[in-house]
Amino acid sequence: MTIHVANDPGDDVGLPHEAGDWWTIHTGEAPVIATAIHNGHAVRPEVADDLALGEQDRLREEDPFTEYTTRDVPNRIICHHSRFEFDLNRARDEAIYVRPEQSWGLKVWKEQPSASEVEASLSSYDEYYAMLRFTLERMQRRHGHFVLLDIHSYNHRRDGPDAPPRDEVEAPEINIGTFSMDRARWAGVVDPFIEHLRSSRLAGRAPDVRENVAFQGKGEQTRFVHTNFPTTGCAIAIEFKKMFMDEWTGQPDRVVLDDLRQMIRTSLPVLEQALGSQ
């Protein structure tokens, strides 16, 4: 079975980068920033041989192609390391998957990683959040308020490529997570954003967009924003159901990806106008 990896330099839906890069940052003049922190597939050579999971199993639980949907956002951060080395959307003491219950029942490591391996990975985790704080402080100084679009994806065919997908009742095509924010404070930003997505087109029809259904937005990155920028930063967790790819082969659906990218691009003036009313 061919596995499609989303960072192939010859594929324009993948973001080329050098081996060893931690992340790619684009900085522009806008109060909106998008992140794709689970887009990455790379692991440090020092730990690659210690992983029990093969590439295909890792790829299935990563968020390939989420970077592509962010490309029109002037400010964006794309992470290149796999969540299976360290997960930036978990609390620091849970960022390394050392127990199967942390990772969908998957055994990630052949042997428990050593203290030095864990610390090396966590040092990158710490560097990310130091960089994110610096970036958001700059946006706060320049704009007063900002929106962070925390873009992820989720599987809906976990039982196998030929098994029925997850029931649509509990699996919206686009899930908006707002758990950690002051929802009343940011209603004037979140509500227009959701309505914009619902009025967009996905493969020729209106998408199914719901709030706090498949996920509630309880990840570390949104918590970090709302804890450290409680009155100036609105972090919206966005989970795209993997209808934009075959989650078992990794093959992308370019039509759907282009639609999702357009949704994010056309949401920028909506978000900027909403921020101006805060």
Protein backbone atom coordinates (compact mmCIF):
# COMPACT_ATOMS: atom_id res chain seq x y z
CA MET A 1 0.00 0.00 0.00
CA THR A 2 1.37 3.42 -0.98
CA ILE A 3 1.48 5.94 1.84
CA HIS A 4 1.16 9.61 0.91
CA VAL A 5 3.22 11.84 3.21
CA ALA A 6 2.19 15.49 3.19
CA ASN A 7 5.68 17.03 3.23
CA ASP A 8 6.80 15.67 -0.16
CA PRO A 9 8.72 18.56 -1.81
CA GLY A 10 7.32 17.54 -5.19
CA ASP A 11 3.73 17.83 -4.06
CA ASP A 12 2.19 21.29 -3.85
CA VAL A 13 -0.17 20.25 -1.05
CA GLY A 14 2.90 19.50 1.07
CA LEU A 15 5.22 22.10 2.60
CA PRO A 16 8.89 21.51 1.72
CA HIS A 17 11.31 21.92 4.61
CA GLU A 18 14.78 20.87 5.61
CA ALA A 19 15.38 17.75 7.67
CA GLY A 20 15.70 18.77 11.30
CA ASP A 21 13.46 21.85 11.01
CA TRP A 22 11.19 22.19 14.03
CA TRP A 23 8.62 24.50 12.47
CA THR A 24 8.06 27.10 9.79
CA ILE A 25 6.83 30.59 10.73
CA HIS A 26 5.30 33.21 8.45
CA THR A 27 4.76 36.69 9.84
CA GLY A 28 2.45 39.25 8.28
CA GLU A 29 0.42 42.33 9.06
CA ALA A 30 -2.89 40.98 10.33
CA PRO A 31 -4.53 40.22 13.70
CA VAL A 32 -5.18 36.57 12.73
CA ILE A 33 -2.75 33.67 13.03
CA ALA A 34 -3.26 30.05 12.01
CA THR A 35 -1.37 27.04 13.32
CA ALA A 36 -1.09 23.42 12.18
CA ILE A 37 0.77 21.87 15.09
CA HIS A 38 -0.02 18.24 14.24
CA ASN A 39 0.83 18.55 10.54
CA GLY A 40 4.34 17.14 11.02
CA HIS A 41 5.60 13.61 10.42
CA ALA A 42 9.31 13.89 11.29
CA VAL A 43 11.02 12.47 14.38
CA ARG A 44 14.55 13.04 15.59
CA PRO A 45 17.00 10.40 14.32
CA GLU A 46 17.98 9.74 17.95
CA VAL A 47 14.52 8.36 18.72
CA ALA A 48 13.41 7.00 15.33
CA ASP A 49 14.68 3.48 16.03
CA ASP A 50 12.98 3.45 19.44
CA LEU A 51 9.48 3.89 18.02
CA ALA A 52 7.32 0.77 17.84
CA LEU A 53 4.86 2.42 15.44
CA GLY A 54 5.47 2.29 11.72
CA GLU A 55 5.11 5.31 9.46
CA GLN A 56 1.64 4.35 8.27
CA ASP A 57 0.25 4.04 11.80
CA ARG A 58 1.81 7.35 12.78
CA LEU A 59 0.51 9.12 9.69
CA ARG A 60 -3.02 7.92 10.34
CA GLU A 61 -3.14 9.77 13.67
CA GLU A 62 -1.28 12.87 12.51
CA ASP A 63 -2.95 15.81 10.73
CA PRO A 64 -1.45 15.82 7.22
CA PHE A 65 -2.53 18.58 4.85
CA THR A 66 -3.87 20.82 7.61
CA GLU A 67 -0.99 23.16 6.73
CA TYR A 68 -2.39 23.56 3.23
CA THR A 69 -5.59 25.11 4.56
CA THR A 70 -3.61 27.89 6.30
CA ARG A 71 -1.57 29.16 3.35
CA ASP A 72 -3.51 32.38 2.84
CA VAL A 73 -3.27 33.46 6.48
CA PRO A 74 -0.47 36.07 6.75
CA ASN A 75 0.62 34.82 10.17
CA ARG A 76 1.01 31.05 10.44
CA ILE A 77 3.04 28.42 12.24
CA ILE A 78 3.50 24.93 10.81
CA CYS A 79 5.12 22.23 12.95
CA HIS A 80 7.21 19.53 11.31
CA HIS A 81 7.74 17.11 14.20
CA SER A 82 5.31 14.26 14.69
CA ARG A 83 2.98 14.32 17.66
CA PHE A 84 4.33 10.84 18.40
CA GLU A 85 7.66 12.35 19.47
CA PHE A 86 6.02 15.14 21.50
CA ASP A 87 2.49 16.46 21.35
CA LEU A 88 2.24 20.23 21.50
CA ASN A 89 -1.47 20.04 22.19
CA ARG A 90 -1.09 18.11 25.45
CA ALA A 91 0.03 19.44 28.82
CA ARG A 92 3.79 19.19 29.23
CA ASP A 93 3.61 16.20 31.58
CA GLU A 94 1.41 14.34 29.05
CA ALA A 95 3.22 15.44 25.88
CA ILE A 96 5.16 12.18 25.46
CA TYR A 97 2.90 9.18 24.82
CA VAL A 98 4.33 6.63 27.24
CA ARG A 99 1.07 4.70 27.82
CA PRO A 100 -1.23 3.26 25.13
CA GLU A 101 -4.25 4.99 26.64
CA GLN A 102 -2.63 8.32 25.73
CA SER A 103 -2.47 7.34 22.06
CA TRP A 104 -5.68 5.58 20.97
CA GLY A 105 -4.46 2.27 22.39
CA LEU A 106 -1.31 2.29 20.25
CA LYS A 107 2.04 1.20 21.68
CA VAL A 108 4.31 4.03 20.61
CA TRP A 109 7.71 2.98 22.02
CA LYS A 110 9.55 -0.34 21.91
CA GLU A 111 10.86 0.43 25.38
CA GLN A 112 10.08 3.26 27.77
CA PRO A 113 12.01 6.30 26.49
CA SER A 114 14.96 7.30 28.62
CA ALA A 115 14.92 10.42 30.77
CA SER A 116 17.42 12.07 28.41
CA GLU A 117 15.26 11.30 25.34
CA VAL A 118 12.19 12.70 27.06
CA GLU A 119 14.01 15.84 28.15
CA ALA A 120 15.41 16.44 24.66
CA SER A 121 11.93 16.26 23.16
CA LEU A 122 10.42 18.40 25.90
CA SER A 123 13.06 21.06 25.31
CA SER A 124 11.58 21.48 21.81
CA TYR A 125 8.11 21.60 23.38
CA ASP A 126 9.30 24.42 25.67
CA GLU A 127 10.90 26.27 22.77
CA TYR A 128 7.62 26.15 20.87
CA TYR A 129 5.60 27.74 23.64
CA ALA A 130 8.29 30.37 24.23
CA MET A 131 8.17 31.20 20.50
CA LEU A 132 4.36 31.24 20.52
CA ARG A 133 4.26 33.62 23.50
CA PHE A 134 6.70 35.99 21.76
CA THR A 135 4.68 35.86 18.53
CA LEU A 136 1.35 36.51 20.24
CA GLU A 137 2.77 39.31 22.38
CA ARG A 138 3.92 41.02 19.19
CA MET A 139 0.44 40.67 17.68
CA GLN A 140 -1.13 41.99 20.87
CA ARG A 141 1.13 45.05 20.81
CA ARG A 142 0.38 45.78 17.16
CA HIS A 143 -3.33 45.04 17.04
CA GLY A 144 -4.70 45.04 20.59
CA HIS A 145 -6.63 41.80 19.95
CA PHE A 146 -5.91 38.68 17.90
CA VAL A 147 -7.52 35.41 16.79
CA LEU A 148 -5.60 32.13 16.68
CA LEU A 149 -7.06 29.45 14.41
CA ASP A 150 -5.84 26.15 15.89
CA ILE A 151 -6.36 23.80 12.94
CA HIS A 152 -6.50 20.01 13.32
CA SER A 153 -8.20 17.01 11.76
CA TYR A 154 -9.78 13.83 13.06
CA ASN A 155 -10.35 10.27 11.87
CA HIS A 156 -13.81 8.94 11.16
CA ARG A 157 -12.95 5.51 9.73
CA ARG A 158 -11.07 4.01 12.65
CA ASP A 159 -12.54 0.51 12.19
CA GLY A 160 -10.80 0.03 8.85
CA PRO A 161 -10.84 1.20 5.22
CA ASP A 162 -13.86 -0.95 4.34
CA ALA A 163 -15.81 -0.49 7.59
CA PRO A 164 -18.66 1.99 8.00
CA PRO A 165 -17.55 5.51 8.97
CA ARG A 166 -18.34 7.11 12.29
CA ASP A 167 -21.99 8.13 12.70
CA GLU A 168 -22.46 11.63 11.29
CA VAL A 169 -24.57 12.58 14.32
CA GLU A 170 -21.37 12.70 16.37
CA ALA A 171 -18.94 13.55 13.58
CA PRO A 172 -19.49 16.97 11.97
CA GLU A 173 -17.40 17.80 8.95
CA ILE A 174 -16.09 20.85 10.79
CA ASN A 175 -16.04 20.85 14.58
CA ILE A 176 -15.44 24.13 16.39
CA GLY A 177 -14.05 23.78 19.93
CA THR A 178 -14.56 26.60 22.43
CA PHE A 179 -14.15 24.92 25.82
CA SER A 180 -11.30 26.98 27.24
CA MET A 181 -12.43 30.42 26.11
CA ASP A 182 -14.73 32.92 27.80
CA ARG A 183 -17.50 32.13 25.32
CA ALA A 184 -19.60 35.17 26.19
CA ARG A 185 -16.66 37.55 25.76
CA TRP A 186 -15.75 36.13 22.35
CA ALA A 187 -19.25 35.45 21.00
CA GLY A 188 -18.93 38.42 18.66
CA VAL A 189 -15.95 36.72 17.01
CA VAL A 190 -16.85 33.03 17.19
CA ASP A 191 -20.48 33.29 16.05
CA PRO A 192 -19.74 35.20 12.81
CA PHE A 193 -16.88 32.80 12.09
CA ILE A 194 -19.16 29.76 12.45
CA GLU A 195 -21.84 31.37 10.32
CA HIS A 196 -19.26 32.15 7.65
CA LEU A 197 -18.17 28.51 7.52
CA ARG A 198 -21.78 27.34 7.31
CA SER A 199 -22.45 29.70 4.41
CA SER A 200 -19.40 28.43 2.50
CA ARG A 201 -19.33 25.58 -0.02
CA LEU A 202 -17.72 22.19 0.49
CA ALA A 203 -17.71 19.93 -2.57
CA GLY A 204 -20.66 21.91 -3.93
CA ARG A 205 -22.86 21.97 -0.82
CA ALA A 206 -23.14 23.60 2.59
CA PRO A 207 -20.82 21.97 5.16
CA ASP A 208 -21.91 20.47 8.46
CA VAL A 209 -20.37 22.84 11.04
CA ARG A 210 -21.11 22.32 14.72
CA GLU A 211 -19.64 23.41 18.03
CA ASN A 212 -18.22 21.12 20.74
CA VAL A 213 -19.55 17.84 19.31
CA ALA A 214 -16.68 15.53 18.34
CA PHE A 215 -14.20 17.67 20.29
CA GLN A 216 -14.57 20.53 22.73
CA GLY A 217 -11.32 22.40 22.20
CA LYS A 218 -9.62 21.19 25.38
CA GLY A 219 -6.11 21.14 23.90
CA GLU A 220 -3.07 22.76 25.46
CA GLN A 221 -2.58 25.44 22.82
CA THR A 222 -6.01 27.04 23.19
CA ARG A 223 -5.69 26.77 26.99
CA PHE A 224 -2.31 28.52 26.77
CA VAL A 225 -3.79 31.40 24.76
CA HIS A 226 -6.81 31.91 27.00
CA THR A 227 -4.73 31.67 30.18
CA ASN A 228 -2.01 34.08 29.07
CA PHE A 229 -4.08 36.45 26.90
CA PRO A 230 -7.52 36.23 28.55
CA THR A 231 -8.88 39.56 27.31
CA THR A 232 -6.94 39.97 24.06
CA GLY A 233 -6.61 36.51 22.49
CA CYS A 234 -9.36 34.32 21.06
CA ALA A 235 -8.15 30.81 20.16
CA ILE A 236 -10.62 28.76 18.12
CA ALA A 237 -9.98 25.02 17.84
CA ILE A 238 -10.95 23.76 14.38
CA GLU A 239 -11.20 20.04 13.64
CA PHE A 240 -11.73 19.05 10.02
CA LYS A 241 -13.09 15.54 9.64
CA LYS A 242 -10.72 13.67 7.33
CA MET A 243 -13.12 13.81 4.42
CA PHE A 244 -10.29 15.67 2.61
CA MET A 245 -8.15 12.50 2.39
CA ASP A 246 -8.16 8.73 2.64
CA GLU A 247 -7.04 8.28 6.22
CA TRP A 248 -5.80 4.73 5.49
CA THR A 249 -3.59 5.54 2.48
CA GLY A 250 -2.93 9.22 3.13
CA GLN A 251 -4.10 10.17 -0.36
CA PRO A 252 -5.47 13.75 -0.42
CA ASP A 253 -8.64 14.98 -2.11
CA ARG A 254 -7.48 18.20 -3.71
CA VAL A 255 -11.00 19.50 -4.42
CA VAL A 256 -12.03 19.31 -0.77
CA LEU A 257 -8.68 20.70 0.41
CA ASP A 258 -9.07 23.69 -1.88
CA ASP A 259 -12.56 24.30 -0.51
CA LEU A 260 -11.30 24.19 3.08
CA ARG A 261 -8.45 26.54 2.21
CA GLN A 262 -10.92 28.96 0.65
CA MET A 263 -13.10 28.85 3.78
CA ILE A 264 -10.14 29.92 5.90
CA ARG A 265 -9.02 32.56 3.40
CA THR A 266 -12.45 34.16 3.11
CA SER A 267 -12.92 34.10 6.89
CA LEU A 268 -10.08 36.60 7.40
CA PRO A 269 -12.09 39.80 6.74
CA VAL A 270 -14.94 38.38 8.85
CA LEU A 271 -12.58 37.83 11.77
CA GLU A 272 -10.86 41.20 11.37
CA GLN A 273 -14.19 43.02 11.31
CA ALA A 274 -15.35 41.11 14.38
CA LEU A 275 -12.15 41.93 16.26
CA GLY A 276 -12.65 45.60 15.43
CA SER A 277 -15.90 45.49 17.42
CA GLN A 278 -14.31 44.01 20.55
